[in-house]
Each structure stands twice: as structure tokens, then as C-alpha cells.
N, C-alpha and C. Protein backbone atom coordinates (compact mmCIF):
# COMPACT_ATOMS: atom_id res chain seq x y z
N UNK A 1 79.19 218.41 95.21
CA UNK A 1 78.42 219.63 95.09
C UNK A 1 77.12 219.50 95.89
N UNK A 2 76.81 220.54 96.63
CA UNK A 2 75.58 220.55 97.42
C UNK A 2 74.49 221.23 96.61
N UNK A 3 73.34 220.59 96.53
CA UNK A 3 72.19 221.16 95.84
C UNK A 3 71.23 221.76 96.85
N UNK A 4 70.69 222.93 96.53
CA UNK A 4 69.67 223.53 97.37
C UNK A 4 68.32 223.36 96.70
N UNK A 5 67.30 223.21 97.52
CA UNK A 5 65.94 223.07 97.01
C UNK A 5 64.98 223.66 98.03
N UNK A 6 63.76 223.87 97.60
CA UNK A 6 62.72 224.33 98.50
C UNK A 6 61.65 223.25 98.59
N UNK A 7 61.40 222.79 99.80
CA UNK A 7 60.27 221.89 100.04
C UNK A 7 59.08 222.79 100.35
N UNK A 8 57.97 222.57 99.68
CA UNK A 8 56.79 223.42 99.87
C UNK A 8 55.54 222.57 100.05
N UNK A 9 54.67 223.05 100.93
CA UNK A 9 53.40 222.37 101.20
C UNK A 9 52.30 223.43 101.24
N UNK A 10 51.17 223.09 100.66
CA UNK A 10 50.00 223.95 100.72
C UNK A 10 48.84 223.10 101.25
N UNK A 11 48.24 223.55 102.34
CA UNK A 11 47.08 222.86 102.91
C UNK A 11 45.83 223.55 102.36
N UNK A 12 44.97 222.75 101.72
CA UNK A 12 43.73 223.27 101.14
C UNK A 12 42.52 222.63 101.80
N UNK A 13 41.46 223.41 101.88
CA UNK A 13 40.15 222.88 102.26
C UNK A 13 39.58 222.24 101.00
N UNK A 14 39.16 220.99 101.06
CA UNK A 14 38.68 220.31 99.87
C UNK A 14 37.52 221.05 99.21
N UNK A 15 36.55 221.44 100.02
CA UNK A 15 35.41 222.18 99.47
C UNK A 15 35.85 223.61 99.18
N UNK A 16 35.83 223.98 97.91
CA UNK A 16 36.20 225.33 97.51
C UNK A 16 37.69 225.53 97.27
N UNK A 17 38.51 224.56 97.66
CA UNK A 17 39.96 224.60 97.48
C UNK A 17 40.61 225.85 98.06
N UNK A 18 40.07 226.31 99.18
CA UNK A 18 40.61 227.48 99.87
C UNK A 18 41.93 227.12 100.55
N UNK A 19 42.92 228.00 100.39
CA UNK A 19 44.23 227.77 101.03
C UNK A 19 44.10 228.07 102.52
N UNK A 20 44.46 227.09 103.35
CA UNK A 20 44.42 227.25 104.80
C UNK A 20 45.79 227.60 105.37
N UNK A 21 46.84 227.07 104.72
CA UNK A 21 48.19 227.29 105.24
C UNK A 21 49.21 226.95 104.16
N UNK A 22 50.33 227.67 104.22
CA UNK A 22 51.45 227.40 103.32
C UNK A 22 52.70 227.22 104.17
N UNK A 23 53.58 226.37 103.71
CA UNK A 23 54.85 226.18 104.41
C UNK A 23 55.97 225.90 103.43
N UNK A 24 57.13 226.48 103.70
CA UNK A 24 58.31 226.21 102.87
C UNK A 24 59.52 226.00 103.75
N UNK A 25 60.49 225.33 103.19
CA UNK A 25 61.74 225.10 103.89
C UNK A 25 62.85 224.99 102.85
N UNK A 26 63.85 225.87 102.96
CA UNK A 26 65.02 225.79 102.09
C UNK A 26 65.93 224.72 102.66
N UNK A 27 66.31 223.78 101.84
CA UNK A 27 67.12 222.65 102.31
C UNK A 27 68.31 222.42 101.40
N UNK A 28 69.32 221.79 101.96
CA UNK A 28 70.45 221.31 101.18
C UNK A 28 70.23 219.83 100.94
N UNK A 29 70.38 219.43 99.69
CA UNK A 29 70.19 218.03 99.32
C UNK A 29 71.55 217.38 99.13
N UNK A 30 71.81 216.34 99.89
CA UNK A 30 73.10 215.67 99.83
C UNK A 30 73.05 214.39 99.00
N UNK A 31 71.84 213.92 98.72
CA UNK A 31 71.67 212.70 97.94
C UNK A 31 71.44 213.12 96.49
N UNK A 32 72.17 212.56 95.54
CA UNK A 32 72.00 212.97 94.14
C UNK A 32 70.65 212.52 93.58
N UNK A 33 70.21 213.19 92.52
CA UNK A 33 68.98 212.76 91.86
C UNK A 33 69.28 211.49 91.08
N UNK A 34 68.58 210.42 91.43
CA UNK A 34 68.68 209.14 90.72
C UNK A 34 67.25 208.71 90.43
N UNK A 35 66.88 208.57 89.14
CA UNK A 35 65.51 208.15 88.84
C UNK A 35 65.13 206.87 89.60
N UNK A 36 63.95 206.91 90.22
CA UNK A 36 63.48 205.76 90.98
C UNK A 36 63.83 205.82 92.46
N UNK A 37 64.66 206.81 92.85
CA UNK A 37 65.07 206.95 94.24
C UNK A 37 64.76 208.34 94.79
N UNK A 38 63.69 208.96 94.31
CA UNK A 38 63.32 210.30 94.73
C UNK A 38 63.05 210.36 96.23
N UNK A 39 62.49 209.31 96.79
CA UNK A 39 62.21 209.27 98.22
C UNK A 39 63.46 209.42 99.06
N UNK A 40 64.57 208.88 98.60
CA UNK A 40 65.83 208.99 99.34
C UNK A 40 66.32 210.44 99.37
N UNK A 41 65.99 211.19 98.35
CA UNK A 41 66.44 212.57 98.22
C UNK A 41 65.46 213.56 98.87
N UNK A 42 64.16 213.31 98.72
CA UNK A 42 63.19 214.34 99.07
C UNK A 42 62.28 214.04 100.26
N UNK A 43 62.24 212.82 100.75
CA UNK A 43 61.32 212.49 101.85
C UNK A 43 61.61 213.32 103.11
N UNK A 44 62.86 213.39 103.52
CA UNK A 44 63.17 214.14 104.75
C UNK A 44 62.79 215.61 104.67
N UNK A 45 63.13 216.32 103.56
CA UNK A 45 62.69 217.72 103.47
C UNK A 45 61.16 217.88 103.48
N UNK A 46 60.46 216.98 102.80
CA UNK A 46 58.99 217.05 102.79
C UNK A 46 58.45 216.85 104.20
N UNK A 47 58.96 215.86 104.90
CA UNK A 47 58.51 215.60 106.27
C UNK A 47 58.84 216.77 107.18
N UNK A 48 60.01 217.36 107.01
CA UNK A 48 60.40 218.52 107.84
C UNK A 48 59.43 219.68 107.67
N UNK A 49 59.06 220.00 106.44
CA UNK A 49 58.12 221.11 106.24
C UNK A 49 56.72 220.72 106.71
N UNK A 50 56.31 219.48 106.55
CA UNK A 50 55.01 219.04 107.06
C UNK A 50 54.94 219.18 108.58
N UNK A 51 56.04 218.93 109.25
CA UNK A 51 56.07 219.02 110.71
C UNK A 51 55.97 220.45 111.22
N UNK A 52 56.11 221.45 110.35
CA UNK A 52 55.97 222.85 110.77
C UNK A 52 54.53 223.34 110.69
N UNK A 53 53.65 222.56 110.07
CA UNK A 53 52.27 223.01 109.86
C UNK A 53 51.48 223.10 111.16
N UNK A 54 50.61 224.10 111.22
CA UNK A 54 49.71 224.25 112.36
C UNK A 54 48.38 223.53 112.11
N UNK A 55 47.98 223.44 110.84
CA UNK A 55 46.73 222.77 110.47
C UNK A 55 46.97 221.26 110.30
N UNK A 56 46.00 220.50 110.76
CA UNK A 56 46.02 219.07 110.46
C UNK A 56 45.52 218.88 109.03
N UNK A 57 45.88 217.77 108.44
CA UNK A 57 45.38 217.47 107.10
C UNK A 57 44.90 216.03 107.08
N UNK A 58 43.94 215.76 106.20
CA UNK A 58 43.34 214.43 106.11
C UNK A 58 44.08 213.50 105.17
N UNK A 59 44.64 214.07 104.11
CA UNK A 59 45.36 213.27 103.12
C UNK A 59 46.48 214.13 102.53
N UNK A 60 47.56 213.48 102.20
CA UNK A 60 48.73 214.14 101.63
C UNK A 60 48.82 213.79 100.15
N UNK A 61 48.87 214.80 99.29
CA UNK A 61 49.05 214.58 97.86
C UNK A 61 50.49 214.95 97.53
N UNK A 62 51.22 213.99 96.97
CA UNK A 62 52.66 214.15 96.74
C UNK A 62 52.96 214.19 95.24
N UNK A 63 53.86 215.08 94.86
CA UNK A 63 54.32 215.18 93.48
C UNK A 63 55.37 214.08 93.26
N UNK A 64 54.89 212.88 93.04
CA UNK A 64 55.75 211.71 92.87
C UNK A 64 54.88 210.46 92.90
N UNK A 65 55.48 209.33 92.67
CA UNK A 65 54.73 208.08 92.61
C UNK A 65 54.43 207.51 94.00
N UNK A 66 53.37 206.70 94.03
CA UNK A 66 53.05 205.87 95.18
C UNK A 66 53.48 204.46 94.84
N UNK A 67 52.51 203.54 94.77
CA UNK A 67 52.84 202.14 94.47
C UNK A 67 53.09 201.88 92.99
N UNK A 68 52.75 202.82 92.12
CA UNK A 68 53.03 202.66 90.70
C UNK A 68 54.49 203.08 90.45
N UNK A 69 55.36 202.29 90.98
CA UNK A 69 56.80 202.56 91.03
C UNK A 69 57.50 201.22 90.79
N UNK A 70 58.66 201.21 90.16
CA UNK A 70 59.33 199.93 89.89
C UNK A 70 59.52 199.05 91.14
N UNK A 71 59.69 199.68 92.29
CA UNK A 71 59.86 198.92 93.54
C UNK A 71 58.57 198.90 94.36
N UNK A 72 57.49 199.48 93.79
CA UNK A 72 56.20 199.49 94.49
C UNK A 72 56.15 200.44 95.67
N UNK A 73 57.11 201.39 95.74
CA UNK A 73 57.22 202.25 96.92
C UNK A 73 57.90 203.56 96.53
N UNK A 74 57.10 204.48 95.95
CA UNK A 74 57.64 205.77 95.54
C UNK A 74 57.62 206.79 96.66
N UNK A 75 57.90 208.05 96.32
CA UNK A 75 57.97 209.13 97.30
C UNK A 75 56.68 209.25 98.11
N UNK A 76 55.53 209.13 97.47
CA UNK A 76 54.25 209.25 98.19
C UNK A 76 54.10 208.14 99.23
N UNK A 77 54.53 206.94 98.89
CA UNK A 77 54.49 205.83 99.84
C UNK A 77 55.49 206.07 100.97
N UNK A 78 56.68 206.49 100.61
CA UNK A 78 57.77 206.73 101.56
C UNK A 78 57.32 207.72 102.64
N UNK A 79 56.82 208.89 102.22
CA UNK A 79 56.39 209.92 103.17
C UNK A 79 55.15 209.46 103.93
N UNK A 80 54.20 208.85 103.25
CA UNK A 80 52.99 208.37 103.91
C UNK A 80 53.28 207.38 105.01
N UNK A 81 54.17 206.43 104.74
CA UNK A 81 54.52 205.42 105.75
C UNK A 81 55.27 206.06 106.92
N UNK A 82 56.26 206.89 106.64
CA UNK A 82 57.04 207.50 107.72
C UNK A 82 56.20 208.40 108.61
N UNK A 83 55.20 209.07 108.03
CA UNK A 83 54.34 209.96 108.83
C UNK A 83 53.06 209.27 109.27
N UNK A 84 52.82 208.06 108.77
CA UNK A 84 51.62 207.28 109.05
C UNK A 84 50.35 208.08 108.74
N UNK A 85 50.33 208.65 107.51
CA UNK A 85 49.17 209.41 107.04
C UNK A 85 48.74 208.89 105.67
N UNK A 86 47.47 209.05 105.33
CA UNK A 86 47.04 208.69 103.98
C UNK A 86 47.76 209.57 102.96
N UNK A 87 48.26 208.94 101.90
CA UNK A 87 48.98 209.71 100.88
C UNK A 87 48.64 209.21 99.48
N UNK A 88 48.71 210.15 98.54
CA UNK A 88 48.41 209.89 97.13
C UNK A 88 49.61 210.32 96.31
N UNK A 89 50.03 209.47 95.38
CA UNK A 89 51.10 209.84 94.46
C UNK A 89 50.51 210.36 93.16
N UNK A 90 51.00 211.51 92.71
CA UNK A 90 50.59 212.09 91.43
C UNK A 90 51.87 212.43 90.68
N UNK A 91 52.09 211.77 89.56
CA UNK A 91 53.35 211.95 88.82
C UNK A 91 53.09 212.35 87.37
N UNK A 92 54.05 213.09 86.81
CA UNK A 92 53.93 213.55 85.43
C UNK A 92 54.30 212.48 84.42
N UNK A 93 55.22 211.62 84.82
CA UNK A 93 55.67 210.59 83.87
C UNK A 93 55.92 209.28 84.62
N UNK A 94 55.98 208.24 83.84
CA UNK A 94 56.25 206.92 84.41
C UNK A 94 57.74 206.70 84.55
N UNK A 95 58.12 206.01 85.59
CA UNK A 95 59.52 205.59 85.74
C UNK A 95 59.73 204.32 84.94
N UNK A 96 58.72 203.46 84.96
CA UNK A 96 58.80 202.16 84.30
C UNK A 96 57.83 202.15 83.12
N UNK A 97 58.35 202.15 81.92
CA UNK A 97 57.54 202.24 80.71
C UNK A 97 56.66 201.00 80.47
N UNK A 98 56.85 199.93 81.22
CA UNK A 98 55.99 198.76 81.08
C UNK A 98 54.54 199.09 81.37
N UNK A 99 54.31 200.14 82.16
CA UNK A 99 52.96 200.48 82.58
C UNK A 99 52.17 201.26 81.54
N UNK A 100 52.82 201.69 80.47
CA UNK A 100 52.09 202.41 79.43
C UNK A 100 51.19 201.41 78.72
N UNK A 101 49.94 201.78 78.54
CA UNK A 101 49.02 200.91 77.81
C UNK A 101 48.26 201.73 76.78
N UNK A 102 47.45 201.08 76.01
CA UNK A 102 46.71 201.74 74.93
C UNK A 102 45.83 202.86 75.48
N UNK A 103 45.21 202.64 76.62
CA UNK A 103 44.32 203.65 77.18
C UNK A 103 45.05 204.96 77.45
N UNK A 104 46.24 204.90 78.02
CA UNK A 104 46.96 206.13 78.32
C UNK A 104 47.40 206.83 77.05
N UNK A 105 47.70 206.09 76.02
CA UNK A 105 48.12 206.71 74.77
C UNK A 105 46.94 207.35 74.05
N UNK A 106 45.78 206.72 74.09
CA UNK A 106 44.61 207.24 73.37
C UNK A 106 43.94 208.40 74.10
N UNK A 107 44.00 208.41 75.41
CA UNK A 107 43.26 209.39 76.19
C UNK A 107 44.20 210.28 77.00
N UNK A 108 45.25 210.75 76.38
CA UNK A 108 46.29 211.49 77.11
C UNK A 108 45.75 212.69 77.88
N UNK A 109 44.84 213.44 77.32
CA UNK A 109 44.34 214.63 78.00
C UNK A 109 42.88 214.48 78.43
N UNK A 110 42.38 213.28 78.42
CA UNK A 110 40.97 213.02 78.72
C UNK A 110 40.64 213.32 80.18
N UNK A 111 39.37 213.66 80.42
CA UNK A 111 38.89 213.84 81.78
C UNK A 111 38.46 212.52 82.41
N UNK A 112 38.58 211.44 81.67
CA UNK A 112 38.21 210.12 82.19
C UNK A 112 39.45 209.41 82.73
N UNK A 113 39.27 208.73 83.84
CA UNK A 113 40.37 207.95 84.41
C UNK A 113 40.53 206.65 83.64
N UNK A 114 41.75 206.26 83.42
CA UNK A 114 42.07 204.98 82.80
C UNK A 114 42.92 204.19 83.80
N UNK A 115 42.51 202.99 84.11
CA UNK A 115 43.28 202.17 85.04
C UNK A 115 44.53 201.63 84.37
N UNK A 116 45.59 201.60 85.11
CA UNK A 116 46.85 201.05 84.61
C UNK A 116 47.08 199.74 85.33
N UNK A 117 47.20 198.68 84.55
CA UNK A 117 47.30 197.33 85.11
C UNK A 117 48.57 196.64 84.64
N UNK A 118 49.00 195.70 85.45
CA UNK A 118 50.06 194.78 85.06
C UNK A 118 49.66 193.42 85.60
N UNK A 119 49.58 192.44 84.72
CA UNK A 119 49.15 191.09 85.11
C UNK A 119 47.83 191.10 85.88
N UNK A 120 46.86 191.86 85.37
CA UNK A 120 45.53 192.00 85.98
C UNK A 120 45.54 192.60 87.38
N UNK A 121 46.63 193.22 87.78
CA UNK A 121 46.72 193.90 89.07
C UNK A 121 46.70 195.41 88.79
N UNK A 122 45.74 196.12 89.38
CA UNK A 122 45.63 197.56 89.16
C UNK A 122 46.71 198.27 89.96
N UNK A 123 47.54 199.05 89.26
CA UNK A 123 48.63 199.78 89.90
C UNK A 123 48.27 201.23 90.16
N UNK A 124 47.39 201.78 89.34
CA UNK A 124 47.05 203.18 89.47
C UNK A 124 46.10 203.59 88.37
N UNK A 125 46.06 204.88 88.11
CA UNK A 125 45.16 205.42 87.10
C UNK A 125 45.85 206.56 86.36
N UNK A 126 45.29 206.89 85.22
CA UNK A 126 45.82 207.96 84.38
C UNK A 126 44.71 208.97 84.17
N UNK A 127 44.99 210.25 84.40
CA UNK A 127 43.98 211.30 84.31
C UNK A 127 44.63 212.62 83.93
N UNK A 128 44.14 213.24 82.86
CA UNK A 128 44.63 214.55 82.42
C UNK A 128 46.16 214.59 82.33
N UNK A 129 46.76 213.53 81.83
CA UNK A 129 48.20 213.52 81.66
C UNK A 129 48.99 213.24 82.93
N UNK A 130 48.33 212.82 84.00
CA UNK A 130 49.00 212.53 85.28
C UNK A 130 48.75 211.07 85.67
N UNK A 131 49.74 210.50 86.34
CA UNK A 131 49.64 209.13 86.84
C UNK A 131 49.34 209.20 88.33
N UNK A 132 48.25 208.57 88.73
CA UNK A 132 47.77 208.62 90.11
C UNK A 132 47.89 207.23 90.71
N UNK A 133 48.48 207.15 91.92
CA UNK A 133 48.53 205.85 92.60
C UNK A 133 48.44 206.03 94.11
N UNK A 134 48.08 204.96 94.75
CA UNK A 134 48.01 204.92 96.21
C UNK A 134 49.41 205.12 96.76
N UNK A 135 49.51 205.96 97.78
CA UNK A 135 50.77 206.10 98.50
C UNK A 135 50.72 205.20 99.73
N UNK A 136 49.77 205.53 100.64
CA UNK A 136 49.65 204.80 101.91
C UNK A 136 48.27 205.09 102.51
N UNK A 137 47.65 204.08 103.08
CA UNK A 137 46.41 204.20 103.87
C UNK A 137 45.24 204.87 103.13
N UNK A 138 45.11 204.61 101.83
CA UNK A 138 43.99 205.14 101.06
C UNK A 138 43.71 204.18 99.92
N UNK A 139 42.47 204.09 99.50
CA UNK A 139 42.13 203.23 98.36
C UNK A 139 42.38 204.01 97.06
N UNK A 140 42.55 203.27 95.98
CA UNK A 140 42.73 203.93 94.69
C UNK A 140 41.47 204.72 94.33
N UNK A 141 40.30 204.16 94.64
CA UNK A 141 39.05 204.86 94.34
C UNK A 141 39.00 206.22 95.05
N UNK A 142 39.37 206.25 96.32
CA UNK A 142 39.39 207.52 97.06
C UNK A 142 40.45 208.47 96.51
N UNK A 143 41.62 207.92 96.20
CA UNK A 143 42.70 208.74 95.65
C UNK A 143 42.26 209.40 94.34
N UNK A 144 41.65 208.60 93.47
CA UNK A 144 41.17 209.10 92.18
C UNK A 144 40.11 210.18 92.40
N UNK A 145 39.18 209.96 93.31
CA UNK A 145 38.14 210.96 93.58
C UNK A 145 38.72 212.27 94.08
N UNK A 146 39.70 212.20 94.96
CA UNK A 146 40.32 213.41 95.50
C UNK A 146 41.09 214.15 94.41
N UNK A 147 41.82 213.41 93.59
CA UNK A 147 42.54 214.05 92.48
C UNK A 147 41.54 214.72 91.53
N UNK A 148 40.47 214.04 91.24
CA UNK A 148 39.45 214.59 90.34
C UNK A 148 38.84 215.87 90.93
N UNK A 149 38.52 215.86 92.23
CA UNK A 149 37.91 217.02 92.88
C UNK A 149 38.85 218.21 92.97
N UNK A 150 40.15 217.97 92.94
CA UNK A 150 41.11 219.06 93.09
C UNK A 150 41.77 219.47 91.78
N UNK A 151 41.34 218.87 90.68
CA UNK A 151 41.96 219.16 89.38
C UNK A 151 41.18 220.22 88.60
N UNK A 152 41.33 221.46 89.01
CA UNK A 152 40.74 222.57 88.28
C UNK A 152 41.48 222.72 86.95
N UNK A 153 42.79 222.60 87.02
CA UNK A 153 43.65 222.63 85.84
C UNK A 153 44.21 221.23 85.63
N UNK A 154 45.23 221.10 84.81
CA UNK A 154 45.81 219.79 84.53
C UNK A 154 46.43 219.16 85.78
N UNK A 155 47.07 219.98 86.59
CA UNK A 155 47.72 219.50 87.82
C UNK A 155 46.78 219.75 89.00
N UNK A 156 46.60 218.78 89.90
CA UNK A 156 45.75 219.00 91.07
C UNK A 156 46.23 220.21 91.88
N UNK A 157 45.29 220.97 92.41
CA UNK A 157 45.60 222.22 93.10
C UNK A 157 46.64 222.12 94.21
N UNK A 158 46.59 221.13 95.09
CA UNK A 158 47.62 221.09 96.14
C UNK A 158 49.04 221.05 95.56
N UNK A 159 49.23 220.27 94.51
CA UNK A 159 50.55 220.16 93.90
C UNK A 159 50.87 221.41 93.09
N UNK A 160 49.91 221.91 92.35
CA UNK A 160 50.13 223.12 91.54
C UNK A 160 50.50 224.31 92.43
N UNK A 161 49.75 224.48 93.51
CA UNK A 161 50.01 225.59 94.44
C UNK A 161 51.36 225.43 95.15
N UNK A 162 51.68 224.22 95.57
CA UNK A 162 52.96 223.98 96.24
C UNK A 162 54.13 224.21 95.29
N UNK A 163 53.98 223.80 94.04
CA UNK A 163 55.04 224.02 93.05
C UNK A 163 55.25 225.52 92.82
N UNK A 164 54.16 226.27 92.69
CA UNK A 164 54.26 227.72 92.49
C UNK A 164 54.92 228.38 93.70
N UNK A 165 54.56 227.94 94.90
CA UNK A 165 55.15 228.47 96.12
C UNK A 165 56.64 228.16 96.20
N UNK A 166 57.03 226.94 95.87
CA UNK A 166 58.45 226.56 95.89
C UNK A 166 59.24 227.38 94.88
N UNK A 167 58.69 227.56 93.69
CA UNK A 167 59.37 228.34 92.65
C UNK A 167 59.55 229.78 93.09
N UNK A 168 58.50 230.38 93.63
CA UNK A 168 58.55 231.76 94.11
C UNK A 168 59.57 231.91 95.24
N UNK A 169 59.57 230.98 96.18
CA UNK A 169 60.49 231.02 97.31
C UNK A 169 61.93 230.87 96.85
N UNK A 170 62.17 229.95 95.91
CA UNK A 170 63.53 229.72 95.42
C UNK A 170 64.04 230.94 94.66
N UNK A 171 63.19 231.55 93.84
CA UNK A 171 63.59 232.77 93.11
C UNK A 171 63.95 233.88 94.09
N UNK A 172 63.17 234.03 95.15
CA UNK A 172 63.45 235.05 96.16
C UNK A 172 64.77 234.75 96.87
N UNK A 173 65.02 233.49 97.15
CA UNK A 173 66.29 233.08 97.79
C UNK A 173 67.47 233.43 96.89
N UNK A 174 67.36 233.16 95.60
CA UNK A 174 68.43 233.51 94.66
C UNK A 174 68.63 235.01 94.59
N UNK A 175 67.53 235.75 94.55
CA UNK A 175 67.61 237.21 94.49
C UNK A 175 68.28 237.78 95.75
N UNK A 176 67.86 237.27 96.91
CA UNK A 176 68.40 237.77 98.18
C UNK A 176 69.87 237.44 98.37
N UNK A 177 70.30 236.29 97.89
CA UNK A 177 71.66 235.84 98.19
C UNK A 177 72.64 235.92 97.03
N UNK A 178 72.15 236.14 95.83
CA UNK A 178 73.06 236.12 94.68
C UNK A 178 72.90 237.34 93.78
N UNK A 179 72.29 238.43 94.30
CA UNK A 179 72.18 239.63 93.47
C UNK A 179 73.24 240.64 93.83
């Protein structure tokens, strides 16, 4: 069975979070969804839509993990490395439950960042119910600051806006082709 999906990107100006450009691409996904292998399924569509943009961007925020991944290389790392751009992973849940610690449980909706460590090695941070980690070519401190500056709501604006755009585009595709 072939799965269809919409890859969506929203380019924002950091100051004021003004939308500069939007891009979408309807794609067929041939790789099944397997937890921990999102990059194998979604990296190519994300890169394809990024390549259509007219605006340059300074950093890419990805709805997926960076180095806080069981293999240390999530979707944010995958896309960041292939495009050679700074990238940040922002995920809703952990793939590997070993990374849950007392801080994340106590401060689930807190506005304060909590570092997530394993064997005294910092893997990422937890903020407003999201897991933030380095994807590629950026420090955790910078990644955390950018996520904080773009988090008007629970989800950072670039990801929230891209998700809304993808949902809207997919609904329109269904309406146009299946009504």
C-alpha cells in the first residue's frame, strides 16, 4: 500500500515570527512507518520541499529528534547533515524511555528547560512538553534559545505553522480528489 503525505515548511523571521514563505509537497511514501526510522521515511520529502524555497534560512527546526535518539541520529540530524545546515530536533515524545528523568516528570508543562542526561552526557532538553535536541551544526544552548524564542504556544511556531499548513493542504487534496 502506498501512503500519501504532505511535507510542509514555513520560513519565519525570528523577530516577530513573521511568515516569509510557505512550501508544501504532496508525496508518496514507500517506506513504512517504523519507530526510530522516521528519517528513512521523511527525510527525502522534507529535503525536496526545502529545495523549492526562495528564501534562505539560518536554522531548520524539525518535528522529530536530533541526537536524542536511540541511534544518536534522528530526522533532524538526518536532514541537517544531508543539507549541511544547522538543524534542531523538537519531538513530542521519546523513542527511548531511558531518557525520562525526574525533572521531565515533575515539570511537564514548565517554562523552564530541564536537561536530559545519560551517564553525565547531555542529550537534550525538555521544555513545555517537548524534547529538544541538536540536529546538526548548532549547540544545545542555541537550539534551546531558538525554541524558547519561537514558543508562543506549546509547540514552536515553525513546527506549529508547518503542521497546520500540511493538515490544510492534505484536507484540500482529499476534497479535490475524493469528493
